[in-house]
Amino acid sequence: MIKQHHKILAALLVAQIVVGVIVFWPRPSTAGQRAPVFPDLTAEDITALTIEDAQGNVVELAKVTGDWVLPNADQYPVKSEAVGELLEKLTAMTTGRLVTKSDTSHKRLQVAADAFQRRLDLETSDGATETIYIGSSPQYGSVHFRLEGEDETYLTSELTTWDVNAAASAWIDTSYQSVAQDDIIRMTLENANGTFTFEKEEDRWRMVAPPSMEETQSLDETQVEAVLRRAASITMKRPLGTEEQAAYGLDEPNAMVTLETAEKTVTLKVGAEDTDDNSYVVKSSESDYYVRVAATSVRALVENGREAFIMEPTPQPESDDS
């Protein structure tokens, strides 16, 4: 009797699996239903794009006089070719692989209005808007998707969540400041620990300020070069805009670095830290924009004191005179 009961349970389990496969396995739409998701839309028609991810990160992109920019960062330039590639993929999507017509499956497939991998809001030149939800990936190179206002969920291999990044850094040239390190002949670092100036003479660095070191001490040129590298090449997380704000903390910066070459002087200010974002506000004299950079990339500029640049002598073993 017990064996018979087990057989019945096993049969029910198999039936449930079969039903699940039938319901959620992507299948071609019936004849005549394989159509573009956006039949009347071309990539050129789209003038604005907002991307949100599951963590609440949001990036807004807009086309201004033919070029793509970040409108919330005083129109910071965007890599237009990257946006163009995404829009071509979006407009190439079709309804050919229907997964389900049931709205009860939206959360499971991560295409619900309150549970998604990506939400894309598209705005067209005529003022119309479209919203599409990008969901889970049941197999490599494909994702579920659903249009807002419709119950049908489809599968596409035209794009993946990697193509729809909600970080500004994915859409811009993140290089913010780049000064050829070999051209720098003088560097001054100012922070809460003091002012430290270094000069290069015959490819060797010496400390000009504070005053010279004790005879038993020597300059750790490796540390000088490490700080120089941090200051000369800055990569941003995202631009903030061209207007300074009190919250940026640049009236009394955490650090300021002055780099001098034979041809120019470049200054870099490191302002307020955002511990939630793990970043600092930075402003270079080479750019009109204020930006946020990863805290790890400028922490040495903020925290290094004199001891960081001094190489203490190696203790010598005591001689045995006995």
C-alpha atoms as a PDB file:
ATOM      1  CA  MET A   1       0.000   0.000   0.000  1.00  0.00           C
ATOM      2  CA  ILE A   2       2.878   2.336   0.922  1.00  0.00           C
ATOM      3  CA  LYS A   3       4.693   1.555  -2.347  1.00  0.00           C
ATOM      4  CA  GLN A   4       1.518   2.324  -4.286  1.00  0.00           C
ATOM      5  CA  HIS A   5       1.218   5.662  -2.457  1.00  0.00           C
ATOM      6  CA  HIS A   6       4.835   6.534  -3.372  1.00  0.00           C
ATOM      7  CA  LYS A   7       4.163   5.689  -6.996  1.00  0.00           C
ATOM      8  CA  ILE A   8       1.188   8.054  -7.048  1.00  0.00           C
ATOM      9  CA  LEU A   9       3.234  10.888  -5.504  1.00  0.00           C
ATOM     10  CA  ALA A  10       6.050  10.313  -7.972  1.00  0.00           C
ATOM     11  CA  ALA A  11       3.606  10.403 -10.885  1.00  0.00           C
ATOM     12  CA  LEU A  12       2.116  13.660  -9.604  1.00  0.00           C
ATOM     13  CA  LEU A  13       5.613  15.183  -9.303  1.00  0.00           C
ATOM     14  CA  VAL A  14       6.491  14.200 -12.850  1.00  0.00           C
ATOM     15  CA  ALA A  15       3.211  15.667 -14.058  1.00  0.00           C
ATOM     16  CA  GLN A  16       3.947  18.964 -12.308  1.00  0.00           C
ATOM     17  CA  ILE A  17       7.395  19.127 -13.903  1.00  0.00           C
ATOM     18  CA  VAL A  18       5.941  18.434 -17.333  1.00  0.00           C
ATOM     19  CA  VAL A  19       3.320  21.124 -16.874  1.00  0.00           C
ATOM     20  CA  GLY A  20       5.988  23.606 -15.749  1.00  0.00           C
ATOM     21  CA  VAL A  21       8.114  22.849 -18.795  1.00  0.00           C
ATOM     22  CA  ILE A  22       5.123  23.214 -21.098  1.00  0.00           C
ATOM     23  CA  VAL A  23       4.103  26.542 -19.539  1.00  0.00           C
ATOM     24  CA  PHE A  24       7.520  28.195 -19.351  1.00  0.00           C
ATOM     25  CA  TRP A  25       9.391  26.678 -22.272  1.00  0.00           C
ATOM     26  CA  PRO A  26       9.684  29.375 -24.957  1.00  0.00           C
ATOM     27  CA  ARG A  27       7.764  28.480 -28.077  1.00  0.00           C
ATOM     28  CA  PRO A  28       7.340  30.141 -31.419  1.00  0.00           C
ATOM     29  CA  SER A  29       4.308  32.355 -31.805  1.00  0.00           C
ATOM     30  CA  THR A  30       1.629  31.106 -34.120  1.00  0.00           C
ATOM     31  CA  ALA A  31       1.792  32.042 -37.776  1.00  0.00           C
ATOM     32  CA  GLY A  32       1.474  35.733 -38.347  1.00  0.00           C
ATOM     33  CA  GLN A  33       2.288  36.650 -34.728  1.00  0.00           C
ATOM     34  CA  ARG A  34       6.081  36.900 -35.114  1.00  0.00           C
ATOM     35  CA  ALA A  35       6.395  40.667 -35.305  1.00  0.00           C
ATOM     36  CA  PRO A  36       8.709  43.460 -34.172  1.00  0.00           C
ATOM     37  CA  VAL A  37       8.173  44.522 -30.573  1.00  0.00           C
ATOM     38  CA  PHE A  38       8.268  48.143 -31.749  1.00  0.00           C
ATOM     39  CA  PRO A  39       6.904  47.921 -35.315  1.00  0.00           C
ATOM     40  CA  ASP A  40       6.772  51.666 -35.950  1.00  0.00           C
ATOM     41  CA  LEU A  41       9.992  52.598 -34.172  1.00  0.00           C
ATOM     42  CA  THR A  42      13.554  53.010 -35.437  1.00  0.00           C
ATOM     43  CA  ALA A  43      16.691  53.692 -33.447  1.00  0.00           C
ATOM     44  CA  GLU A  44      16.776  57.226 -34.865  1.00  0.00           C
ATOM     45  CA  ASP A  45      13.298  57.928 -33.454  1.00  0.00           C
ATOM     46  CA  ILE A  46      14.429  57.445 -29.828  1.00  0.00           C
ATOM     47  CA  THR A  47      15.540  60.672 -28.165  1.00  0.00           C
ATOM     48  CA  ALA A  48      15.750  59.722 -24.483  1.00  0.00           C
ATOM     49  CA  LEU A  49      16.386  56.561 -22.510  1.00  0.00           C
ATOM     50  CA  THR A  50      16.172  55.846 -18.775  1.00  0.00           C
ATOM     51  CA  ILE A  51      17.588  52.616 -17.372  1.00  0.00           C
ATOM     52  CA  GLU A  52      16.921  51.330 -13.855  1.00  0.00           C
ATOM     53  CA  ASP A  53      18.295  48.121 -12.357  1.00  0.00           C
ATOM     54  CA  ALA A  54      17.164  45.850  -9.525  1.00  0.00           C
ATOM     55  CA  GLN A  55      19.382  47.698  -7.017  1.00  0.00           C
ATOM     56  CA  GLY A  56      17.723  51.042  -7.732  1.00  0.00           C
ATOM     57  CA  ASN A  57      20.568  52.483  -9.810  1.00  0.00           C
ATOM     58  CA  VAL A  58      19.278  54.811 -12.524  1.00  0.00           C
ATOM     59  CA  VAL A  59      20.940  56.451 -15.502  1.00  0.00           C
ATOM     60  CA  GLU A  60      19.282  58.893 -17.877  1.00  0.00           C
ATOM     61  CA  LEU A  61      20.499  59.405 -21.439  1.00  0.00           C
ATOM     62  CA  ALA A  62      19.231  62.012 -23.883  1.00  0.00           C
ATOM     63  CA  LYS A  63      19.950  63.070 -27.444  1.00  0.00           C
ATOM     64  CA  VAL A  64      20.765  66.776 -27.739  1.00  0.00           C
ATOM     65  CA  THR A  65      21.494  68.279 -31.178  1.00  0.00           C
ATOM     66  CA  GLY A  66      22.280  64.813 -32.471  1.00  0.00           C
ATOM     67  CA  ASP A  67      24.651  63.758 -29.664  1.00  0.00           C
ATOM     68  CA  TRP A  68      23.902  61.603 -26.632  1.00  0.00           C
ATOM     69  CA  VAL A  69      24.572  63.142 -23.208  1.00  0.00           C
ATOM     70  CA  LEU A  70      23.842  62.767 -19.497  1.00  0.00           C
ATOM     71  CA  PRO A  71      21.177  65.466 -18.987  1.00  0.00           C
ATOM     72  CA  ASN A  72      21.470  65.317 -15.187  1.00  0.00           C
ATOM     73  CA  ALA A  73      25.207  66.044 -15.317  1.00  0.00           C
ATOM     74  CA  ASP A  74      25.131  69.239 -17.396  1.00  0.00           C
ATOM     75  CA  GLN A  75      25.059  67.281 -20.653  1.00  0.00           C
ATOM     76  CA  TYR A  76      28.259  65.319 -20.065  1.00  0.00           C
ATOM     77  CA  PRO A  77      29.114  63.566 -23.365  1.00  0.00           C
ATOM     78  CA  VAL A  78      28.054  59.939 -23.775  1.00  0.00           C
ATOM     79  CA  LYS A  79      29.570  57.371 -26.122  1.00  0.00           C
ATOM     80  CA  SER A  80      26.918  57.697 -28.811  1.00  0.00           C
ATOM     81  CA  GLU A  81      28.016  54.514 -30.566  1.00  0.00           C
ATOM     82  CA  ALA A  82      27.297  52.493 -27.399  1.00  0.00           C
ATOM     83  CA  VAL A  83      23.779  53.943 -27.156  1.00  0.00           C
ATOM     84  CA  GLY A  84      23.245  53.338 -30.855  1.00  0.00           C
ATOM     85  CA  GLU A  85      24.168  49.665 -30.474  1.00  0.00           C
ATOM     86  CA  LEU A  86      21.646  49.248 -27.663  1.00  0.00           C
ATOM     87  CA  LEU A  87      18.868  50.949 -29.613  1.00  0.00           C
ATOM     88  CA  GLU A  88      19.523  48.798 -32.661  1.00  0.00           C
ATOM     89  CA  LYS A  89      19.167  45.702 -30.492  1.00  0.00           C
ATOM     90  CA  LEU A  90      15.956  46.971 -28.910  1.00  0.00           C
ATOM     91  CA  THR A  91      14.323  47.787 -32.223  1.00  0.00           C
ATOM     92  CA  ALA A  92      15.350  44.373 -33.602  1.00  0.00           C
ATOM     93  CA  MET A  93      13.467  42.446 -30.891  1.00  0.00           C
ATOM     94  CA  THR A  94      10.450  40.383 -31.957  1.00  0.00           C
ATOM     95  CA  THR A  95       7.553  38.540 -30.341  1.00  0.00           C
ATOM     96  CA  GLY A  96       8.638  35.281 -31.944  1.00  0.00           C
ATOM     97  CA  ARG A  97       9.410  33.365 -28.719  1.00  0.00           C
ATOM     98  CA  LEU A  98       6.380  33.573 -26.459  1.00  0.00           C
ATOM     99  CA  VAL A  99       6.972  32.206 -22.939  1.00  0.00           C
ATOM    100  CA  THR A 100       3.678  32.868 -21.172  1.00  0.00           C
ATOM    101  CA  LYS A 101       0.504  34.906 -21.384  1.00  0.00           C
ATOM    102  CA  SER A 102      -0.113  34.813 -17.631  1.00  0.00           C
ATOM    103  CA  ASP A 103       0.486  37.837 -15.413  1.00  0.00           C
ATOM    104  CA  THR A 104       1.000  35.479 -12.465  1.00  0.00           C
ATOM    105  CA  SER A 105       4.381  34.567 -13.971  1.00  0.00           C
ATOM    106  CA  HIS A 106       5.770  38.097 -14.125  1.00  0.00           C
ATOM    107  CA  LYS A 107       7.556  38.028 -10.789  1.00  0.00           C
ATOM    108  CA  ARG A 108       8.918  34.548 -11.380  1.00  0.00           C
ATOM    109  CA  LEU A 109      10.405  35.711 -14.692  1.00  0.00           C
ATOM    110  CA  GLN A 110      11.498  39.052 -13.145  1.00  0.00           C
ATOM    111  CA  VAL A 111       9.501  41.195 -15.562  1.00  0.00           C
ATOM    112  CA  ALA A 112       7.032  42.606 -13.030  1.00  0.00           C
ATOM    113  CA  ALA A 113       6.661  46.332 -12.430  1.00  0.00           C
ATOM    114  CA  ASP A 114       8.053  45.864  -8.911  1.00  0.00           C
ATOM    115  CA  ALA A 115      10.452  42.987  -9.605  1.00  0.00           C
ATOM    116  CA  PHE A 116      12.723  43.256 -12.626  1.00  0.00           C
ATOM    117  CA  GLN A 117      16.345  43.067 -13.675  1.00  0.00           C
ATOM    118  CA  ARG A 118      16.092  46.192 -15.824  1.00  0.00           C
ATOM    119  CA  ARG A 119      13.398  48.719 -16.600  1.00  0.00           C
ATOM    120  CA  LEU A 120      13.831  50.780 -19.763  1.00  0.00           C
ATOM    121  CA  ASP A 121      11.786  53.884 -20.487  1.00  0.00           C
ATOM    122  CA  LEU A 122      12.068  55.066 -24.079  1.00  0.00           C
ATOM    123  CA  GLU A 123      10.984  58.478 -25.315  1.00  0.00           C
ATOM    124  CA  THR A 124      10.564  59.231 -28.998  1.00  0.00           C
ATOM    125  CA  SER A 125      10.852  62.394 -31.025  1.00  0.00           C
ATOM    126  CA  ASP A 126       7.062  62.749 -31.166  1.00  0.00           C
ATOM    127  CA  GLY A 127       6.764  62.636 -27.353  1.00  0.00           C
ATOM    128  CA  ALA A 128       5.530  59.051 -27.093  1.00  0.00           C
ATOM    129  CA  THR A 129       6.941  56.727 -24.419  1.00  0.00           C
ATOM    130  CA  GLU A 130       7.462  52.985 -24.185  1.00  0.00           C
ATOM    131  CA  THR A 131       8.468  50.916 -21.157  1.00  0.00           C
ATOM    132  CA  ILE A 132      10.020  47.478 -21.368  1.00  0.00           C
ATOM    133  CA  TYR A 133      11.018  45.159 -18.518  1.00  0.00           C
ATOM    134  CA  ILE A 134      14.091  42.939 -18.931  1.00  0.00           C
ATOM    135  CA  GLY A 135      13.988  39.875 -16.697  1.00  0.00           C
ATOM    136  CA  SER A 136      15.739  36.638 -15.875  1.00  0.00           C
ATOM    137  CA  SER A 137      18.035  34.693 -18.170  1.00  0.00           C
ATOM    138  CA  PRO A 138      16.977  31.062 -18.549  1.00  0.00           C
ATOM    139  CA  GLN A 139      19.929  30.303 -20.801  1.00  0.00           C
ATOM    140  CA  TYR A 140      23.154  31.977 -21.814  1.00  0.00           C
ATOM    141  CA  GLY A 141      22.689  34.908 -24.175  1.00  0.00           C
ATOM    142  CA  SER A 142      18.942  35.361 -23.792  1.00  0.00           C
ATOM    143  CA  VAL A 143      16.531  37.117 -21.432  1.00  0.00           C
ATOM    144  CA  HIS A 144      12.830  37.338 -20.730  1.00  0.00           C
ATOM    145  CA  PHE A 145      11.109  40.637 -21.516  1.00  0.00           C
ATOM    146  CA  ARG A 146       7.685  42.223 -21.309  1.00  0.00           C
ATOM    147  CA  LEU A 147       6.132  45.450 -22.497  1.00  0.00           C
ATOM    148  CA  GLU A 148       4.351  47.530 -19.879  1.00  0.00           C
ATOM    149  CA  GLY A 149       0.597  47.123 -20.094  1.00  0.00           C
ATOM    150  CA  GLU A 150       0.798  43.644 -21.624  1.00  0.00           C
ATOM    151  CA  ASP A 151       0.667  40.230 -19.952  1.00  0.00           C
ATOM    152  CA  GLU A 152       2.685  38.355 -22.582  1.00  0.00           C
ATOM    153  CA  THR A 153       6.318  37.597 -21.701  1.00  0.00           C
ATOM    154  CA  TYR A 154       8.792  36.702 -24.427  1.00  0.00           C
ATOM    155  CA  LEU A 155      12.337  35.461 -24.734  1.00  0.00           C
ATOM    156  CA  THR A 156      14.950  37.245 -26.834  1.00  0.00           C
ATOM    157  CA  SER A 157      18.581  36.715 -27.724  1.00  0.00           C
ATOM    158  CA  GLU A 158      18.905  40.177 -29.253  1.00  0.00           C
ATOM    159  CA  LEU A 159      20.249  41.620 -25.984  1.00  0.00           C
ATOM    160  CA  THR A 160      21.191  40.740 -22.402  1.00  0.00           C
ATOM    161  CA  THR A 161      21.184  42.613 -19.108  1.00  0.00           C
ATOM    162  CA  TRP A 162      24.867  43.395 -19.728  1.00  0.00           C
ATOM    163  CA  ASP A 163      23.778  45.502 -22.691  1.00  0.00           C
ATOM    164  CA  VAL A 164      21.442  47.522 -20.461  1.00  0.00           C
ATOM    165  CA  ASN A 165      23.710  48.885 -17.728  1.00  0.00           C
ATOM    166  CA  ALA A 166      22.287  51.352 -15.204  1.00  0.00           C
ATOM    167  CA  ALA A 167      25.711  52.807 -14.282  1.00  0.00           C
ATOM    168  CA  ALA A 168      26.772  56.073 -15.913  1.00  0.00           C
ATOM    169  CA  SER A 169      30.325  54.719 -16.225  1.00  0.00           C
ATOM    170  CA  ALA A 170      29.087  52.182 -18.780  1.00  0.00           C
ATOM    171  CA  TRP A 171      28.115  54.952 -21.198  1.00  0.00           C
ATOM    172  CA  ILE A 172      30.958  57.477 -20.919  1.00  0.00           C
ATOM    173  CA  ASP A 173      34.699  57.744 -21.336  1.00  0.00           C
ATOM    174  CA  THR A 174      35.701  57.371 -17.674  1.00  0.00           C
ATOM    175  CA  SER A 175      39.154  58.905 -18.108  1.00  0.00           C
ATOM    176  CA  TYR A 176      38.947  62.212 -16.229  1.00  0.00           C
ATOM    177  CA  GLN A 177      42.520  63.415 -15.840  1.00  0.00           C
ATOM    178  CA  SER A 178      45.635  62.137 -17.576  1.00  0.00           C
ATOM    179  CA  VAL A 179      49.011  63.811 -17.175  1.00  0.00           C
ATOM    180  CA  ALA A 180      52.051  62.021 -18.601  1.00  0.00           C
ATOM    181  CA  GLN A 181      53.849  60.832 -15.487  1.00  0.00           C
ATOM    182  CA  ASP A 182      57.295  61.022 -17.065  1.00  0.00           C
ATOM    183  CA  ASP A 183      56.750  64.731 -17.805  1.00  0.00           C
ATOM    184  CA  ILE A 184      56.091  65.696 -14.184  1.00  0.00           C
ATOM    185  CA  ILE A 185      59.063  67.404 -12.539  1.00  0.00           C
ATOM    186  CA  ARG A 186      57.473  68.672  -9.338  1.00  0.00           C
ATOM    187  CA  MET A 187      54.578  67.494  -7.147  1.00  0.00           C
ATOM    188  CA  THR A 188      53.051  69.128  -4.089  1.00  0.00           C
ATOM    189  CA  LEU A 189      50.588  67.260  -1.869  1.00  0.00           C
ATOM    190  CA  GLU A 190      48.561  69.135   0.737  1.00  0.00           C
ATOM    191  CA  ASN A 191      46.301  67.349   3.218  1.00  0.00           C
ATOM    192  CA  ALA A 192      45.529  67.265   6.934  1.00  0.00           C
ATOM    193  CA  ASN A 193      49.007  65.876   7.627  1.00  0.00           C
ATOM    194  CA  GLY A 194      50.842  68.838   6.099  1.00  0.00           C
ATOM    195  CA  THR A 195      52.357  70.010   2.817  1.00  0.00           C
ATOM    196  CA  PHE A 196      54.829  67.779   0.997  1.00  0.00           C
ATOM    197  CA  THR A 197      56.762  68.857  -2.078  1.00  0.00           C
ATOM    198  CA  PHE A 198      58.888  66.607  -4.267  1.00  0.00           C
ATOM    199  CA  GLU A 199      61.183  67.515  -7.171  1.00  0.00           C
ATOM    200  CA  LYS A 200      62.744  65.302  -9.796  1.00  0.00           C
ATOM    201  CA  GLU A 201      66.442  65.705 -10.496  1.00  0.00           C
ATOM    202  CA  GLU A 202      68.159  63.417 -12.982  1.00  0.00           C
ATOM    203  CA  ASP A 203      65.327  60.905 -12.763  1.00  0.00           C
ATOM    204  CA  ARG A 204      65.494  60.785  -8.968  1.00  0.00           C
ATOM    205  CA  TRP A 205      62.980  62.269  -6.561  1.00  0.00           C
ATOM    206  CA  ARG A 206      63.910  64.349  -3.526  1.00  0.00           C
ATOM    207  CA  MET A 207      61.732  65.868  -0.829  1.00  0.00           C
ATOM    208  CA  VAL A 208      61.861  69.664  -0.807  1.00  0.00           C
ATOM    209  CA  ALA A 209      59.361  70.226   1.982  1.00  0.00           C
ATOM    210  CA  PRO A 210      59.254  69.482   4.867  1.00  0.00           C
ATOM    211  CA  PRO A 211      62.977  70.174   5.466  1.00  0.00           C
ATOM    212  CA  SER A 212      65.545  67.518   4.723  1.00  0.00           C
ATOM    213  CA  MET A 213      65.455  64.170   6.457  1.00  0.00           C
ATOM    214  CA  GLU A 214      67.722  62.874   9.139  1.00  0.00           C
ATOM    215  CA  GLU A 215      70.954  61.252   8.028  1.00  0.00           C
ATOM    216  CA  THR A 216      69.638  57.820   8.958  1.00  0.00           C
ATOM    217  CA  GLN A 217      66.531  58.270   6.808  1.00  0.00           C
ATOM    218  CA  SER A 218      66.015  58.133   3.048  1.00  0.00           C
ATOM    219  CA  LEU A 219      63.160  58.959   0.687  1.00  0.00           C
ATOM    220  CA  ASP A 220      60.969  56.057  -0.368  1.00  0.00           C
ATOM    221  CA  GLU A 221      60.754  56.906  -4.059  1.00  0.00           C
ATOM    222  CA  THR A 222      58.442  53.958  -4.673  1.00  0.00           C
ATOM    223  CA  GLN A 223      55.802  55.634  -2.495  1.00  0.00           C
ATOM    224  CA  VAL A 224      56.351  58.986  -4.211  1.00  0.00           C
ATOM    225  CA  GLU A 225      55.793  57.333  -7.594  1.00  0.00           C
ATOM    226  CA  ALA A 226      52.690  55.543  -6.290  1.00  0.00           C
ATOM    227  CA  VAL A 227      51.102  58.828  -5.163  1.00  0.00           C
ATOM    228  CA  LEU A 228      52.150  60.493  -8.390  1.00  0.00           C
ATOM    229  CA  ARG A 229      50.438  57.745 -10.370  1.00  0.00           C
ATOM    230  CA  ARG A 230      47.227  58.203  -8.385  1.00  0.00           C
ATOM    231  CA  ALA A 231      47.198  61.939  -9.008  1.00  0.00           C
ATOM    232  CA  ALA A 232      48.287  61.922 -12.655  1.00  0.00           C
ATOM    233  CA  SER A 233      45.673  59.447 -13.901  1.00  0.00           C
ATOM    234  CA  ILE A 234      42.126  59.783 -12.564  1.00  0.00           C
ATOM    235  CA  THR A 235      39.236  57.550 -13.584  1.00  0.00           C
ATOM    236  CA  MET A 236      35.743  58.668 -12.618  1.00  0.00           C
ATOM    237  CA  LYS A 237      32.702  56.753 -11.445  1.00  0.00           C
ATOM    238  CA  ARG A 238      30.363  59.420 -12.775  1.00  0.00           C
ATOM    239  CA  PRO A 239      30.252  63.146 -13.574  1.00  0.00           C
ATOM    240  CA  LEU A 240      28.266  65.482 -11.323  1.00  0.00           C
ATOM    241  CA  GLY A 241      28.058  68.644 -13.418  1.00  0.00           C
ATOM    242  CA  THR A 242      29.823  71.945 -13.950  1.00  0.00           C
ATOM    243  CA  GLU A 243      28.399  73.886 -10.995  1.00  0.00           C
ATOM    244  CA  GLU A 244      30.171  73.643  -7.654  1.00  0.00           C
ATOM    245  CA  GLN A 245      27.994  72.846  -4.647  1.00  0.00           C
ATOM    246  CA  ALA A 246      28.752  73.370  -0.964  1.00  0.00           C
ATOM    247  CA  ALA A 247      28.193  69.659  -0.344  1.00  0.00           C
ATOM    248  CA  TYR A 248      31.196  68.877  -2.559  1.00  0.00           C
ATOM    249  CA  GLY A 249      33.480  70.105   0.244  1.00  0.00           C
ATOM    250  CA  LEU A 250      35.973  71.814  -2.039  1.00  0.00           C
ATOM    251  CA  ASP A 251      36.180  75.098  -0.105  1.00  0.00           C
ATOM    252  CA  GLU A 252      38.295  73.147   2.380  1.00  0.00           C
ATOM    253  CA  PRO A 253      39.348  70.064   0.415  1.00  0.00           C
ATOM    254  CA  ASN A 254      40.576  66.864   2.009  1.00  0.00           C
ATOM    255  CA  ALA A 255      43.570  67.012  -0.297  1.00  0.00           C
ATOM    256  CA  MET A 256      45.037  69.097  -3.089  1.00  0.00           C
ATOM    257  CA  VAL A 257      47.751  67.980  -5.475  1.00  0.00           C
ATOM    258  CA  THR A 258      49.720  70.280  -7.767  1.00  0.00           C
ATOM    259  CA  LEU A 259      51.544  68.646 -10.674  1.00  0.00           C
ATOM    260  CA  GLU A 260      54.084  70.675 -12.623  1.00  0.00           C
ATOM    261  CA  THR A 261      55.619  69.876 -15.990  1.00  0.00           C
ATOM    262  CA  ALA A 262      57.885  72.000 -18.152  1.00  0.00           C
ATOM    263  CA  GLU A 263      54.796  73.278 -19.995  1.00  0.00           C
ATOM    264  CA  LYS A 264      51.900  73.482 -17.517  1.00  0.00           C
ATOM    265  CA  THR A 265      50.627  73.223 -13.947  1.00  0.00           C
ATOM    266  CA  VAL A 266      47.671  70.980 -13.096  1.00  0.00           C
ATOM    267  CA  THR A 267      45.793  71.053  -9.807  1.00  0.00           C
ATOM    268  CA  LEU A 268      43.545  68.353  -8.409  1.00  0.00           C
ATOM    269  CA  LYS A 269      41.239  68.884  -5.430  1.00  0.00           C
ATOM    270  CA  VAL A 270      39.731  66.019  -3.442  1.00  0.00           C
ATOM    271  CA  GLY A 271      36.548  67.044  -1.642  1.00  0.00           C
ATOM    272  CA  ALA A 272      33.887  65.329   0.430  1.00  0.00           C
ATOM    273  CA  GLU A 273      33.692  61.585   0.888  1.00  0.00           C
ATOM    274  CA  ASP A 274      30.451  59.657   0.455  1.00  0.00           C
ATOM    275  CA  THR A 275      30.840  56.536   2.593  1.00  0.00           C
ATOM    276  CA  ASP A 276      27.627  55.020   1.228  1.00  0.00           C
ATOM    277  CA  ASP A 277      28.895  55.343  -2.324  1.00  0.00           C
ATOM    278  CA  ASN A 278      32.538  54.735  -1.310  1.00  0.00           C
ATOM    279  CA  SER A 279      33.658  57.736  -3.345  1.00  0.00           C
ATOM    280  CA  TYR A 280      35.099  61.254  -3.191  1.00  0.00           C
ATOM    281  CA  VAL A 281      34.219  64.391  -5.128  1.00  0.00           C
ATOM    282  CA  VAL A 282      37.150  65.478  -7.303  1.00  0.00           C
ATOM    283  CA  LYS A 283      37.802  68.569  -9.425  1.00  0.00           C
ATOM    284  CA  SER A 284      40.708  68.921 -11.861  1.00  0.00           C
ATOM    285  CA  SER A 285      41.888  72.180 -13.389  1.00  0.00           C
ATOM    286  CA  GLU A 286      41.927  70.241 -16.671  1.00  0.00           C
ATOM    287  CA  SER A 287      38.128  69.834 -16.734  1.00  0.00           C
ATOM    288  CA  ASP A 288      35.002  71.944 -16.291  1.00  0.00           C
ATOM    289  CA  TYR A 289      33.258  69.021 -14.580  1.00  0.00           C
ATOM    290  CA  TYR A 290      33.089  67.922 -10.973  1.00  0.00           C
ATOM    291  CA  VAL A 291      33.107  64.134 -10.692  1.00  0.00           C
ATOM    292  CA  ARG A 292      32.978  61.272  -8.246  1.00  0.00           C
ATOM    293  CA  VAL A 293      35.855  58.817  -8.099  1.00  0.00           C
ATOM    294  CA  ALA A 294      36.331  55.574  -6.187  1.00  0.00           C
ATOM    295  CA  ALA A 295      37.656  56.210  -2.684  1.00  0.00           C
ATOM    296  CA  THR A 296      40.444  53.679  -3.156  1.00  0.00           C
ATOM    297  CA  SER A 297      41.898  55.656  -6.058  1.00  0.00           C
ATOM    298  CA  VAL A 298      42.509  58.858  -4.033  1.00  0.00           C
ATOM    299  CA  ARG A 299      42.711  57.687  -0.428  1.00  0.00           C
ATOM    300  CA  ALA A 300      46.512  57.916  -0.403  1.00  0.00           C
ATOM    301  CA  LEU A 301      46.247  61.575  -1.414  1.00  0.00           C
ATOM    302  CA  VAL A 302      43.974  62.215   1.566  1.00  0.00           C
ATOM    303  CA  GLU A 303      45.743  60.125   4.200  1.00  0.00           C
ATOM    304  CA  ASN A 304      49.470  59.995   3.433  1.00  0.00           C
ATOM    305  CA  GLY A 305      51.704  61.862   5.848  1.00  0.00           C
ATOM    306  CA  ARG A 306      55.460  62.356   6.057  1.00  0.00           C
ATOM    307  CA  GLU A 307      56.060  58.874   7.436  1.00  0.00           C
ATOM    308  CA  ALA A 308      54.554  57.337   4.284  1.00  0.00           C
ATOM    309  CA  PHE A 309      57.412  58.753   2.212  1.00  0.00           C
ATOM    310  CA  ILE A 310      60.268  58.028   4.604  1.00  0.00           C
ATOM    311  CA  MET A 311      62.202  54.781   4.505  1.00  0.00           C
ATOM    312  CA  GLU A 312      63.559  53.992   7.916  1.00  0.00           C
ATOM    313  CA  PRO A 313      66.960  52.274   8.099  1.00  0.00           C
ATOM    314  CA  THR A 314      67.002  48.528   8.567  1.00  0.00           C
ATOM    315  CA  PRO A 315      68.027  47.722  12.142  1.00  0.00           C
ATOM    316  CA  GLN A 316      71.455  46.159  12.251  1.00  0.00           C
ATOM    317  CA  PRO A 317      72.078  43.137  14.474  1.00  0.00           C
ATOM    318  CA  GLU A 318      74.096  43.881  17.580  1.00  0.00           C
ATOM    319  CA  SER A 319      77.713  42.724  17.357  1.00  0.00           C
ATOM    320  CA  ASP A 320      78.857  40.006  19.717  1.00  0.00           C
ATOM    321  CA  ASP A 321      82.069  41.229  21.382  1.00  0.00           C
ATOM    322  CA  SER A 322      82.281  38.364  23.843  1.00  0.00           C
END
